[in-house]
N, C-alpha and C. Protein backbone atom coordinates (compact mmCIF):
# COMPACT_ATOMS: atom_id res chain seq x y z
N MET A 1 3.17 45.25 -17.77
CA MET A 1 2.46 44.95 -18.58
C MET A 1 3.07 44.33 -19.57
N TRP A 2 4.67 44.66 -19.59
CA TRP A 2 5.99 44.00 -20.41
C TRP A 2 6.11 42.56 -20.36
N HIS A 3 6.04 42.23 -18.95
CA HIS A 3 6.37 40.97 -18.44
C HIS A 3 5.53 39.66 -19.46
N MET A 4 4.01 40.14 -18.78
CA MET A 4 2.98 39.62 -19.25
C MET A 4 2.66 39.61 -21.01
N GLU A 5 3.12 40.77 -21.68
CA GLU A 5 2.78 40.18 -22.73
C GLU A 5 4.20 39.73 -23.90
N ASP A 6 5.16 39.86 -23.15
CA ASP A 6 6.04 39.06 -23.58
C ASP A 6 6.15 37.61 -23.40
N VAL A 7 5.73 36.86 -22.06
CA VAL A 7 5.47 35.90 -22.02
C VAL A 7 4.40 35.12 -22.95
N LEU A 8 3.10 36.00 -22.92
CA LEU A 8 2.31 35.81 -24.05
C LEU A 8 2.45 35.47 -25.83
N SER A 9 3.38 36.15 -25.77
CA SER A 9 3.96 36.23 -27.52
C SER A 9 4.86 35.00 -27.41
N VAL A 10 5.84 34.74 -26.51
CA VAL A 10 6.38 33.50 -26.36
C VAL A 10 5.39 32.11 -27.04
N TYR A 11 3.95 32.20 -26.16
CA TYR A 11 3.22 31.58 -26.05
C TYR A 11 2.12 31.27 -27.51
N GLN A 12 2.79 31.78 -28.35
CA GLN A 12 1.79 31.90 -29.75
C GLN A 12 3.12 31.70 -30.69
N ARG A 13 4.33 31.13 -30.44
CA ARG A 13 5.37 31.30 -31.61
C ARG A 13 5.01 29.66 -32.25
N SER A 14 5.27 29.28 -33.01
CA SER A 14 4.79 27.81 -33.34
C SER A 14 6.04 26.82 -33.11
N TYR A 15 5.65 25.23 -32.80
CA TYR A 15 6.15 24.40 -32.88
C TYR A 15 7.58 24.61 -33.52
N ASP A 16 9.02 24.66 -33.05
CA ASP A 16 10.39 24.75 -33.38
C ASP A 16 11.46 23.80 -32.38
N PRO A 17 11.42 22.17 -32.73
CA PRO A 17 12.30 21.63 -31.80
C PRO A 17 13.64 21.82 -31.39
N GLY A 18 14.15 22.46 -32.52
CA GLY A 18 15.18 23.64 -32.07
C GLY A 18 14.73 24.49 -31.61
N ARG A 19 14.21 25.00 -30.88
CA ARG A 19 13.91 26.48 -29.99
C ARG A 19 12.66 26.07 -28.96
N PRO A 20 12.65 24.84 -28.48
CA PRO A 20 11.51 24.38 -27.66
C PRO A 20 11.46 25.10 -26.61
N VAL A 21 9.85 25.73 -26.78
CA VAL A 21 9.09 26.22 -25.23
C VAL A 21 9.01 25.39 -24.24
N VAL A 22 10.24 25.95 -23.09
CA VAL A 22 9.57 24.86 -21.73
C VAL A 22 9.20 25.89 -20.69
N CYS A 23 8.16 25.52 -19.82
CA CYS A 23 7.91 26.19 -18.54
C CYS A 23 8.97 25.51 -17.60
N LEU A 24 8.81 26.27 -16.70
CA LEU A 24 9.71 25.83 -15.27
C LEU A 24 9.18 26.06 -13.90
N ASP A 25 8.66 25.45 -13.27
CA ASP A 25 8.30 25.74 -11.93
C ASP A 25 8.80 24.92 -10.97
N GLU A 26 8.60 25.34 -9.69
CA GLU A 26 8.73 24.61 -8.30
C GLU A 26 7.96 24.84 -7.37
N THR A 27 7.82 23.69 -6.76
CA THR A 27 6.68 23.75 -5.31
C THR A 27 7.73 23.03 -4.14
N SER A 28 7.35 22.86 -3.21
CA SER A 28 7.86 22.01 -2.29
C SER A 28 6.90 21.19 -0.96
N ARG A 29 6.96 20.01 -0.42
CA ARG A 29 5.69 18.85 0.11
C ARG A 29 6.02 18.35 0.88
N GLN A 30 5.75 18.32 1.89
CA GLN A 30 6.33 17.68 2.94
C GLN A 30 5.97 16.26 3.25
N LEU A 31 7.40 15.27 3.09
CA LEU A 31 7.64 14.45 3.47
C LEU A 31 6.90 13.57 4.62
N LEU A 32 6.12 12.00 4.46
CA LEU A 32 5.06 11.99 5.65
C LEU A 32 5.15 10.25 5.60
N GLY A 33 5.41 9.93 6.15
CA GLY A 33 5.56 8.35 6.64
C GLY A 33 4.36 7.51 7.31
N GLU A 34 4.23 6.39 7.27
CA GLU A 34 3.34 5.61 8.02
C GLU A 34 3.78 5.11 9.17
N ALA A 35 3.07 5.97 10.51
CA ALA A 35 3.13 5.40 12.00
C ALA A 35 3.32 3.60 11.58
N ARG A 36 2.05 3.33 11.22
CA ARG A 36 2.05 1.81 11.31
C ARG A 36 1.76 1.35 9.89
N PRO A 37 2.10 0.10 9.52
CA PRO A 37 1.71 -0.31 7.95
C PRO A 37 0.13 -0.36 7.92
N PRO A 38 -0.27 0.35 6.84
CA PRO A 38 -1.61 0.04 6.45
C PRO A 38 -2.33 -1.31 6.15
N ARG A 39 -3.68 -1.56 6.98
CA ARG A 39 -4.34 -2.94 7.30
C ARG A 39 -4.25 -3.21 6.01
N PRO A 40 -4.04 -5.00 5.00
CA PRO A 40 -4.43 -4.82 3.47
C PRO A 40 -6.01 -5.12 3.46
N THR A 41 -6.26 -4.57 1.99
CA THR A 41 -7.26 -5.71 1.92
C THR A 41 -7.81 -6.95 2.22
N ALA A 42 -9.28 -6.88 2.31
CA ALA A 42 -9.44 -8.31 2.73
C ALA A 42 -11.01 -8.42 2.29
N PRO A 43 -11.69 -9.26 1.97
CA PRO A 43 -13.02 -9.28 1.16
C PRO A 43 -13.77 -8.75 2.56
N GLY A 44 -14.75 -7.48 1.65
CA GLY A 44 -15.33 -7.03 2.26
C GLY A 44 -14.97 -5.48 3.37
N ARG A 45 -13.50 -5.93 2.72
CA ARG A 45 -13.16 -5.04 3.82
C ARG A 45 -11.92 -3.90 3.24
N PRO A 46 -12.09 -2.46 2.61
CA PRO A 46 -11.05 -1.78 1.74
C PRO A 46 -9.68 -1.90 2.74
N THR A 47 -8.31 -1.31 1.91
CA THR A 47 -7.41 -1.18 3.01
C THR A 47 -7.18 0.38 3.82
N ARG A 48 -6.88 0.40 4.81
CA ARG A 48 -7.17 1.08 5.55
C ARG A 48 -5.86 1.44 6.64
N ALA A 49 -6.11 2.68 6.58
CA ALA A 49 -4.55 3.71 6.35
C ALA A 49 -4.67 4.16 7.86
N ASP A 50 -3.47 3.74 8.90
CA ASP A 50 -3.53 4.83 10.28
C ASP A 50 -3.66 5.94 10.03
N PRO A 51 -4.19 6.87 10.48
CA PRO A 51 -3.99 8.29 10.77
C PRO A 51 -3.13 8.65 11.44
N GLU A 52 -2.11 8.48 11.94
CA GLU A 52 -1.11 8.56 12.71
C GLU A 52 -0.14 8.72 11.37
N TYR A 53 1.20 9.71 11.14
CA TYR A 53 1.84 9.80 10.44
C TYR A 53 3.11 10.35 10.79
N VAL A 54 4.51 10.09 10.62
CA VAL A 54 5.85 10.38 10.76
C VAL A 54 6.27 11.18 9.82
N ARG A 55 6.27 12.41 10.63
CA ARG A 55 7.00 13.41 9.52
C ARG A 55 8.52 12.95 9.01
N GLY A 56 8.80 13.36 8.29
CA GLY A 56 10.35 13.08 7.36
C GLY A 56 10.57 14.23 6.68
N GLY A 57 10.44 15.30 7.22
CA GLY A 57 10.67 16.88 6.25
C GLY A 57 10.09 17.26 5.39
N VAL A 58 11.03 18.10 4.46
CA VAL A 58 10.36 18.60 3.26
C VAL A 58 10.96 18.08 1.80
N ALA A 59 10.98 18.31 0.93
CA ALA A 59 11.22 17.92 -0.52
C ALA A 59 11.02 19.03 -1.46
N ASN A 60 11.76 19.47 -2.16
CA ASN A 60 11.44 20.18 -3.37
C ASN A 60 11.12 19.92 -4.71
N LEU A 61 10.62 20.47 -5.01
CA LEU A 61 10.30 19.71 -6.24
C LEU A 61 10.06 20.50 -7.72
N PHE A 62 10.81 20.42 -8.90
CA PHE A 62 10.89 21.06 -9.78
C PHE A 62 10.07 20.32 -10.91
N LEU A 63 9.34 20.82 -11.70
CA LEU A 63 9.06 20.82 -12.77
C LEU A 63 9.00 21.46 -14.09
N ALA A 64 9.35 20.92 -15.37
CA ALA A 64 9.62 21.47 -16.42
C ALA A 64 8.60 20.74 -17.56
N THR A 65 8.01 21.27 -18.48
CA THR A 65 7.29 21.22 -18.97
C THR A 65 7.27 21.87 -20.62
N GLU A 66 7.00 21.08 -21.42
CA GLU A 66 6.91 21.61 -22.97
C GLU A 66 5.56 21.35 -23.26
N PRO A 67 4.92 22.64 -23.09
CA PRO A 67 3.31 22.65 -24.05
C PRO A 67 2.89 21.65 -24.68
N LEU A 68 3.96 22.52 -26.19
CA LEU A 68 3.44 21.76 -27.54
C LEU A 68 4.28 20.48 -28.06
N ARG A 69 4.46 19.79 -27.27
CA ARG A 69 4.82 18.09 -27.55
C ARG A 69 4.03 17.08 -26.52
N GLY A 70 3.94 17.73 -25.38
CA GLY A 70 2.93 16.72 -24.61
C GLY A 70 4.13 16.66 -23.44
N TRP A 71 4.98 17.29 -23.40
CA TRP A 71 6.15 16.11 -22.25
C TRP A 71 6.37 17.19 -21.20
N ARG A 72 6.75 16.40 -19.70
CA ARG A 72 7.22 17.02 -19.12
C ARG A 72 7.97 16.25 -18.06
N ALA A 73 9.09 16.64 -17.10
CA ALA A 73 9.66 15.68 -15.63
C ALA A 73 9.49 16.58 -14.91
N VAL A 74 10.63 15.59 -13.69
CA VAL A 74 10.09 16.33 -12.53
C VAL A 74 11.70 15.75 -11.77
N LEU A 75 12.16 17.06 -11.47
CA LEU A 75 13.05 16.65 -10.48
C LEU A 75 13.09 16.67 -9.04
N VAL A 76 13.14 16.16 -8.15
CA VAL A 76 13.43 16.33 -6.64
C VAL A 76 14.61 16.58 -6.13
N SER A 77 14.30 17.61 -5.47
CA SER A 77 15.63 17.67 -4.45
C SER A 77 15.66 17.88 -3.06
N ASP A 78 16.58 18.14 -2.20
CA ASP A 78 16.55 18.19 -0.81
C ASP A 78 15.82 19.92 -0.38
N GLN A 79 16.40 20.62 -1.11
CA GLN A 79 16.47 21.96 -0.80
C GLN A 79 15.96 22.68 -1.91
N ARG A 80 16.08 23.84 -2.07
CA ARG A 80 15.25 25.16 -3.35
C ARG A 80 16.65 26.23 -3.27
N THR A 81 17.55 25.94 -3.36
CA THR A 81 18.61 26.93 -3.24
C THR A 81 19.15 27.01 -4.40
N ARG A 82 19.63 27.89 -4.60
CA ARG A 82 20.51 28.24 -6.29
C ARG A 82 20.83 27.14 -6.75
N LEU A 83 21.90 26.14 -5.86
CA LEU A 83 22.51 24.83 -6.41
C LEU A 83 21.67 24.61 -7.06
N ASP A 84 20.67 24.01 -6.52
CA ASP A 84 19.25 22.94 -6.50
C ASP A 84 18.96 23.71 -8.07
N PHE A 85 18.53 24.66 -8.28
CA PHE A 85 17.75 25.58 -9.57
C PHE A 85 19.11 25.00 -10.52
N ALA A 86 20.25 25.75 -10.29
CA ALA A 86 21.36 25.48 -11.14
C ALA A 86 21.79 23.46 -12.12
N ALA A 87 21.32 22.84 -10.95
CA ALA A 87 21.50 21.80 -11.51
C ALA A 87 20.38 21.28 -11.97
N CYS A 88 18.93 21.93 -11.53
CA CYS A 88 17.76 21.75 -12.92
C CYS A 88 18.06 22.00 -14.26
N LEU A 89 18.64 23.13 -14.35
CA LEU A 89 19.16 24.06 -15.04
C LEU A 89 20.17 23.11 -16.16
N LYS A 90 20.69 22.16 -15.34
CA LYS A 90 22.04 21.69 -16.24
C LYS A 90 21.29 20.37 -16.92
N ARG A 91 20.51 19.70 -16.06
CA ARG A 91 19.80 18.82 -16.65
C ARG A 91 18.80 18.73 -17.53
N LEU A 92 18.63 19.94 -17.56
CA LEU A 92 17.58 20.58 -18.89
C LEU A 92 17.87 20.88 -20.32
N VAL A 93 19.75 21.40 -20.01
CA VAL A 93 20.48 21.50 -21.18
C VAL A 93 20.67 20.06 -21.71
N ASP A 94 21.64 19.16 -20.76
CA ASP A 94 22.47 18.42 -21.20
C ASP A 94 21.74 17.01 -21.07
N VAL A 95 20.68 16.98 -20.39
CA VAL A 95 19.91 15.53 -20.47
C VAL A 95 18.25 15.37 -21.32
N HIS A 96 17.56 16.09 -21.06
CA HIS A 96 16.78 16.82 -21.62
C HIS A 96 16.73 17.04 -23.45
N TYR A 97 17.44 18.41 -23.26
CA TYR A 97 17.62 19.05 -24.76
C TYR A 97 19.10 19.41 -25.25
N PRO A 98 19.75 17.99 -25.47
CA PRO A 98 21.09 18.23 -25.80
C PRO A 98 21.64 18.91 -27.04
N GLU A 99 20.12 18.33 -28.17
CA GLU A 99 20.39 19.05 -29.54
C GLU A 99 19.63 20.34 -29.82
N ALA A 100 19.20 20.50 -28.52
CA ALA A 100 18.09 22.04 -29.17
C ALA A 100 19.21 22.91 -29.38
N GLU A 101 18.89 24.08 -30.42
CA GLU A 101 19.60 25.44 -30.42
C GLU A 101 19.80 26.09 -29.28
N THR A 102 18.61 26.53 -28.54
CA THR A 102 18.46 27.39 -27.41
C THR A 102 16.94 26.79 -26.86
N ILE A 103 16.52 26.85 -25.66
CA ILE A 103 15.61 26.57 -24.74
C ILE A 103 15.15 28.07 -24.38
N VAL A 104 13.57 28.25 -24.61
CA VAL A 104 13.16 29.01 -24.30
C VAL A 104 12.57 28.40 -23.09
N LEU A 105 12.98 29.40 -22.35
CA LEU A 105 12.71 29.37 -20.90
C LEU A 105 11.91 30.81 -20.26
N VAL A 106 10.65 29.63 -19.56
CA VAL A 106 9.58 30.72 -19.12
C VAL A 106 9.64 30.29 -17.57
N LEU A 107 9.94 31.28 -16.52
CA LEU A 107 9.96 31.18 -15.25
C LEU A 107 9.24 32.75 -14.69
N ASP A 108 9.01 31.81 -13.25
CA ASP A 108 8.42 33.05 -12.60
C ASP A 108 9.59 33.96 -11.60
N GLN A 109 9.76 35.04 -11.21
CA GLN A 109 10.40 35.98 -10.69
C GLN A 109 11.52 35.75 -9.31
N LEU A 110 11.52 34.06 -9.28
CA LEU A 110 11.88 33.82 -7.82
C LEU A 110 13.14 34.20 -7.64
N ASN A 111 13.77 34.60 -6.56
CA ASN A 111 15.32 35.32 -6.64
C ASN A 111 15.90 34.38 -7.55
N THR A 112 15.99 33.13 -6.83
CA THR A 112 16.97 31.91 -7.29
C THR A 112 16.68 31.15 -9.07
N HIS A 113 15.98 32.13 -9.84
CA HIS A 113 15.69 31.73 -10.95
C HIS A 113 15.69 32.73 -11.78
N SER A 114 17.70 32.69 -12.06
CA SER A 114 18.41 33.64 -13.07
C SER A 114 19.62 33.32 -13.46
N PRO A 115 20.20 33.57 -14.49
CA PRO A 115 21.87 32.91 -15.09
C PRO A 115 22.38 33.23 -13.87
N ALA A 116 22.46 33.86 -12.83
CA ALA A 116 23.25 34.08 -11.35
C ALA A 116 23.43 32.78 -10.92
N SER A 117 22.30 31.93 -10.77
CA SER A 117 22.79 31.09 -10.31
C SER A 117 23.56 29.83 -11.08
N LEU A 118 23.49 29.86 -12.24
CA LEU A 118 24.23 28.65 -12.88
C LEU A 118 25.93 29.46 -12.40
N TYR A 119 26.48 30.52 -12.03
CA TYR A 119 27.77 30.89 -12.04
C TYR A 119 27.95 31.20 -10.24
N ALA A 120 27.06 30.57 -9.32
CA ALA A 120 26.61 30.34 -8.20
C ALA A 120 27.53 29.00 -8.15
N ALA A 121 26.97 28.17 -9.14
CA ALA A 121 27.16 26.79 -9.10
C ALA A 121 28.33 26.22 -9.67
N PHE A 122 28.63 26.51 -10.72
CA PHE A 122 29.72 26.25 -12.11
C PHE A 122 30.74 26.84 -12.03
N PRO A 123 32.29 26.68 -12.43
CA PRO A 123 32.70 27.47 -12.97
C PRO A 123 32.40 28.49 -13.83
N PRO A 124 33.16 29.49 -13.93
CA PRO A 124 32.37 30.87 -15.14
C PRO A 124 31.99 30.13 -16.53
N ALA A 125 33.42 29.00 -17.05
CA ALA A 125 33.14 28.66 -18.64
C ALA A 125 32.12 27.79 -18.72
N GLU A 126 31.85 26.98 -17.70
CA GLU A 126 30.48 26.21 -17.49
C GLU A 126 29.17 26.54 -16.81
N ALA A 127 28.91 27.65 -16.58
CA ALA A 127 28.15 28.70 -16.39
C ALA A 127 27.68 29.28 -17.66
N LYS A 128 28.30 29.66 -18.39
CA LYS A 128 28.31 30.61 -19.12
C LYS A 128 27.92 29.75 -20.83
N ARG A 129 28.47 28.49 -20.89
CA ARG A 129 28.08 26.98 -21.28
C ARG A 129 26.36 27.03 -21.19
N LEU A 130 26.09 27.31 -20.44
CA LEU A 130 24.59 26.64 -19.81
C LEU A 130 23.35 27.68 -20.40
N ALA A 131 23.96 28.64 -19.64
CA ALA A 131 23.43 30.12 -19.80
C ALA A 131 23.35 30.83 -21.78
N ASP A 132 24.41 30.45 -21.78
CA ASP A 132 23.92 30.52 -23.42
C ASP A 132 23.25 29.70 -24.52
N LYS A 133 22.69 28.69 -23.46
CA LYS A 133 21.63 27.74 -24.33
C LYS A 133 20.39 28.16 -23.81
N LEU A 134 20.08 28.66 -22.99
CA LEU A 134 19.03 29.40 -22.51
C LEU A 134 18.75 30.85 -22.83
N GLU A 135 16.91 30.76 -23.23
CA GLU A 135 16.61 31.84 -23.73
C GLU A 135 15.55 32.61 -22.61
N ILE A 136 15.77 33.14 -21.63
CA ILE A 136 14.37 33.41 -20.42
C ILE A 136 13.50 34.66 -20.33
N HIS A 137 12.44 34.08 -20.76
CA HIS A 137 11.08 34.75 -20.40
C HIS A 137 10.54 34.57 -18.85
N HIS A 138 10.68 36.07 -18.24
CA HIS A 138 10.04 35.60 -16.76
C HIS A 138 8.34 36.21 -16.83
N THR A 139 7.91 35.41 -16.23
CA THR A 139 6.40 36.43 -15.71
C THR A 139 6.54 37.39 -15.07
N PRO A 140 5.27 38.17 -14.97
CA PRO A 140 5.28 39.06 -14.15
C PRO A 140 5.08 38.95 -12.70
N LYS A 141 5.16 39.75 -11.80
CA LYS A 141 4.97 39.81 -9.92
C LYS A 141 3.74 39.53 -9.57
N HIS A 142 3.40 39.04 -9.34
CA HIS A 142 1.74 38.24 -8.64
C HIS A 142 1.16 37.57 -10.09
N GLY A 143 1.74 37.09 -11.39
CA GLY A 143 1.14 36.61 -12.37
C GLY A 143 1.49 35.25 -12.95
N SER A 144 2.31 34.38 -11.65
CA SER A 144 2.89 33.34 -11.65
C SER A 144 1.82 32.09 -12.65
N TRP A 145 0.64 32.59 -12.65
CA TRP A 145 -0.47 31.94 -13.29
C TRP A 145 -0.31 32.30 -14.90
N LEU A 146 0.79 32.80 -15.11
CA LEU A 146 0.91 32.21 -16.46
C LEU A 146 2.10 31.45 -17.16
N ASN A 147 2.47 31.16 -15.95
CA ASN A 147 3.30 29.64 -16.23
C ASN A 147 2.49 28.81 -16.54
N MET A 148 2.49 27.94 -17.37
CA MET A 148 1.92 26.54 -17.71
C MET A 148 2.43 25.68 -16.96
N ALA A 149 3.50 25.77 -16.30
CA ALA A 149 4.19 24.69 -15.63
C ALA A 149 3.16 24.70 -13.81
N GLU A 150 2.79 25.56 -13.84
CA GLU A 150 1.71 25.56 -13.05
C GLU A 150 0.16 24.64 -12.82
N LEU A 151 0.42 24.72 -14.27
CA LEU A 151 -1.10 23.29 -14.56
C LEU A 151 -0.61 22.07 -14.35
N GLU A 152 0.98 22.14 -14.66
CA GLU A 152 0.98 20.58 -14.84
C GLU A 152 1.80 19.94 -12.74
N LEU A 153 1.76 21.58 -12.00
CA LEU A 153 2.23 21.25 -10.92
C LEU A 153 0.66 20.87 -9.81
N SER A 154 -0.28 21.17 -10.77
CA SER A 154 -1.33 20.96 -9.92
C SER A 154 -1.95 19.99 -10.58
N ALA A 155 -1.87 19.37 -11.36
CA ALA A 155 -2.27 17.88 -11.90
C ALA A 155 -1.10 17.00 -11.21
N LEU A 156 -0.03 16.62 -10.82
CA LEU A 156 0.93 16.06 -10.45
C LEU A 156 0.47 16.16 -8.62
N GLN A 157 -0.10 17.04 -8.35
CA GLN A 157 -0.70 17.38 -7.08
C GLN A 157 -1.89 16.09 -6.59
N ARG A 158 -2.37 16.46 -7.47
CA ARG A 158 -3.93 15.66 -7.67
C ARG A 158 -3.55 14.39 -8.10
N GLN A 159 -2.79 13.98 -8.68
CA GLN A 159 -2.77 12.40 -9.22
C GLN A 159 -1.41 11.75 -8.63
N CYS A 160 -0.66 12.18 -7.84
CA CYS A 160 0.59 11.97 -7.73
C CYS A 160 0.31 12.16 -5.72
N LEU A 161 0.83 13.60 -5.46
CA LEU A 161 1.16 13.72 -4.13
C LEU A 161 0.22 13.58 -3.12
N ARG A 162 -0.83 13.08 -3.07
CA ARG A 162 -1.43 12.84 -2.01
C ARG A 162 -1.48 12.02 -1.35
N GLN A 163 -0.78 11.05 -1.82
CA GLN A 163 -0.29 9.66 -0.87
C GLN A 163 1.23 10.22 -0.17
N ARG A 164 0.91 9.57 1.28
CA ARG A 164 1.74 9.27 1.76
C ARG A 164 3.37 9.15 1.42
N LEU A 165 4.37 9.80 1.28
CA LEU A 165 5.49 9.39 0.77
C LEU A 165 6.84 10.13 1.66
N PRO A 166 7.38 8.68 2.41
CA PRO A 166 8.17 8.60 3.75
C PRO A 166 9.77 9.94 2.89
N ASP A 167 10.37 9.36 2.04
CA ASP A 167 11.47 10.15 1.43
C ASP A 167 11.28 10.42 0.03
N ARG A 168 12.72 10.99 0.00
CA ARG A 168 12.89 11.75 -1.35
C ARG A 168 12.82 10.90 -2.27
N ASP A 169 13.51 9.70 -2.17
CA ASP A 169 13.54 8.64 -3.57
C ASP A 169 12.31 8.37 -3.92
N ALA A 170 11.03 7.95 -1.97
CA ALA A 170 10.12 7.78 -2.68
C ALA A 170 9.44 8.20 -3.81
N MET A 171 9.84 9.49 -3.20
CA MET A 171 8.39 10.67 -4.05
C MET A 171 9.73 11.37 -5.59
N ALA A 172 10.56 10.80 -5.71
CA ALA A 172 11.12 10.98 -6.92
C ALA A 172 10.63 9.88 -7.77
N ARG A 173 10.64 8.49 -7.04
CA ARG A 173 9.75 7.26 -8.18
C ARG A 173 8.65 7.67 -8.47
N GLU A 174 7.86 8.17 -7.27
CA GLU A 174 6.22 8.41 -7.40
C GLU A 174 6.29 9.46 -9.12
N ALA A 175 7.17 10.69 -8.65
CA ALA A 175 6.57 11.55 -9.50
C ALA A 175 7.00 11.09 -11.38
N ALA A 176 7.97 10.44 -11.34
CA ALA A 176 8.83 10.07 -12.23
C ALA A 176 7.86 9.24 -12.98
N ALA A 177 7.10 8.14 -12.53
CA ALA A 177 6.05 7.84 -12.83
C ALA A 177 5.09 8.36 -13.38
N TRP A 178 4.63 8.93 -12.84
CA TRP A 178 3.45 10.20 -12.89
C TRP A 178 4.02 10.65 -14.52
N ALA A 179 5.12 11.21 -14.45
CA ALA A 179 5.67 11.76 -15.74
C ALA A 179 5.47 10.73 -16.73
N ARG A 180 6.09 9.87 -16.62
CA ARG A 180 6.04 8.92 -18.14
C ARG A 180 4.73 8.40 -18.52
N ARG A 181 3.84 8.34 -16.97
CA ARG A 181 2.40 8.20 -17.56
C ARG A 181 1.75 9.11 -19.02
N ARG A 182 1.48 10.52 -18.07
CA ARG A 182 1.55 11.65 -18.79
C ARG A 182 2.20 11.92 -20.01
N ASN A 183 3.30 11.46 -20.52
CA ASN A 183 4.29 11.54 -21.34
C ASN A 183 3.56 10.73 -22.20
N ALA A 184 3.06 9.22 -21.94
CA ALA A 184 2.77 8.29 -23.02
C ALA A 184 1.31 8.76 -23.59
N GLN A 185 0.85 9.33 -22.44
CA GLN A 185 -0.59 10.10 -23.17
C GLN A 185 -0.47 11.39 -23.90
N THR A 186 0.96 11.93 -24.03
CA THR A 186 0.99 12.95 -24.73
C THR A 186 0.03 13.89 -24.60
N LYS A 187 -0.30 14.37 -22.87
CA LYS A 187 -1.30 15.37 -22.72
C LYS A 187 -0.83 16.63 -22.61
N ARG A 188 -1.06 17.40 -23.39
CA ARG A 188 -0.86 18.50 -23.96
C ARG A 188 -1.13 19.51 -23.51
N ILE A 189 -1.32 21.29 -23.41
CA ILE A 189 -1.94 22.14 -22.48
C ILE A 189 -2.46 23.53 -24.01
N ASP A 190 -3.33 23.24 -23.87
CA ASP A 190 -3.95 24.04 -24.96
C ASP A 190 -4.10 25.45 -24.00
N TRP A 191 -3.36 26.60 -24.68
CA TRP A 191 -3.19 27.40 -24.00
C TRP A 191 -4.26 28.83 -24.70
N GLN A 192 -5.52 29.12 -24.63
CA GLN A 192 -6.05 29.99 -25.19
C GLN A 192 -5.50 31.65 -24.98
N PHE A 193 -5.46 31.80 -24.07
CA PHE A 193 -5.17 33.29 -23.39
C PHE A 193 -4.28 33.95 -24.21
N THR A 194 -4.47 35.24 -25.10
CA THR A 194 -3.67 35.78 -25.78
C THR A 194 -3.23 36.99 -25.19
N THR A 195 -2.92 37.89 -26.33
CA THR A 195 -2.45 39.52 -26.10
C THR A 195 -3.30 40.30 -25.92
N ALA A 196 -4.47 40.07 -27.14
CA ALA A 196 -5.47 40.25 -27.06
C ALA A 196 -6.51 40.57 -26.43
N ASP A 197 -6.52 39.35 -25.46
CA ASP A 197 -7.26 38.79 -24.40
C ASP A 197 -6.89 39.71 -23.60
N ALA A 198 -5.51 40.22 -23.12
CA ALA A 198 -4.88 40.41 -21.95
C ALA A 198 -5.73 42.23 -21.89
N ARG A 199 -5.37 42.40 -23.54
CA ARG A 199 -5.34 44.14 -23.75
C ARG A 199 -6.89 44.26 -23.63
N THR A 200 -7.96 43.40 -23.41
CA THR A 200 -9.07 43.45 -23.59
C THR A 200 -9.92 43.28 -22.33
N ARG A 201 -9.45 42.33 -21.22
CA ARG A 201 -10.12 41.45 -20.03
C ARG A 201 -9.48 42.48 -18.90
N LEU A 202 -7.83 42.67 -18.99
CA LEU A 202 -6.97 42.94 -18.34
C LEU A 202 -6.85 44.32 -18.77
N ARG A 203 -7.72 45.03 -19.38
CA ARG A 203 -7.62 46.70 -19.37
C ARG A 203 -7.49 47.66 -18.48
N ARG A 204 -7.91 47.52 -17.21
CA ARG A 204 -7.66 48.20 -16.10
C ARG A 204 -6.14 48.07 -15.57
N LEU A 205 -5.70 47.05 -15.92
CA LEU A 205 -4.06 47.02 -15.72
C LEU A 205 -2.90 47.65 -16.69
N TYR A 206 -3.47 47.93 -17.46
CA TYR A 206 -2.37 49.37 -18.53
C TYR A 206 -3.05 50.49 -18.05
N PRO A 207 -1.95 51.17 -18.58
CA PRO A 207 -1.95 52.88 -18.18
C PRO A 207 -2.36 53.47 -19.17
N ALA A 208 -3.44 54.95 -18.30
CA ALA A 208 -4.40 55.38 -18.97
C ALA A 208 -3.54 56.37 -19.74
N PHE A 209 -4.19 56.92 -21.33
CA PHE A 209 -3.31 58.23 -21.49
C PHE A 209 -4.52 58.77 -22.22
N GLU A 210 -4.24 60.08 -21.88
CA GLU A 210 -4.90 61.23 -22.23
C GLU A 210 -4.76 62.45 -23.06
N ASP A 211 -5.63 62.06 -24.52
CA ASP A 211 -4.91 62.73 -25.50
C ASP A 211 -4.63 64.24 -25.52
């Protein structure tokens, strides 16, 4: 229960640009190319795609979102190793939030999702510099739904990834364009589930004490 209440308390914090609350999650998608070029639209005939496709392997997508600001970014990698995760954290710190005092980061408990990945990827001094910029909060096991980045990943899947994308570069371009559109619209997440709600609705998950 501690992890759940800890994350929910983070979500109740007021907006602070010096300590932004950022949710980060990842997923993988198969790369699929067209076996034959689609038939273009013609009068009275819509575009037709051939049902056959060419497999192009799998790409990994890291999605970071700052719900209170209505911002998100997607980084596409070939794999989902500690090194890829560390590269994502470095980009978050140095590119997206270079002026932040601390990035308050919400993650699930995947084994790569820890500062240890930074030390696997970078020299100790650099790893510590990056780790010192992060305040990490993990969602509970089997409670990844508490990570608001999952909501953005769902939107990314519906609005962008259902099309066939043949390679990592194509996926990265489409994902970046999707993020720019949503950022321009300032699409925020209105999170309503609180610690009080958890203690009421999920009461069965809490330990019982006898007087």
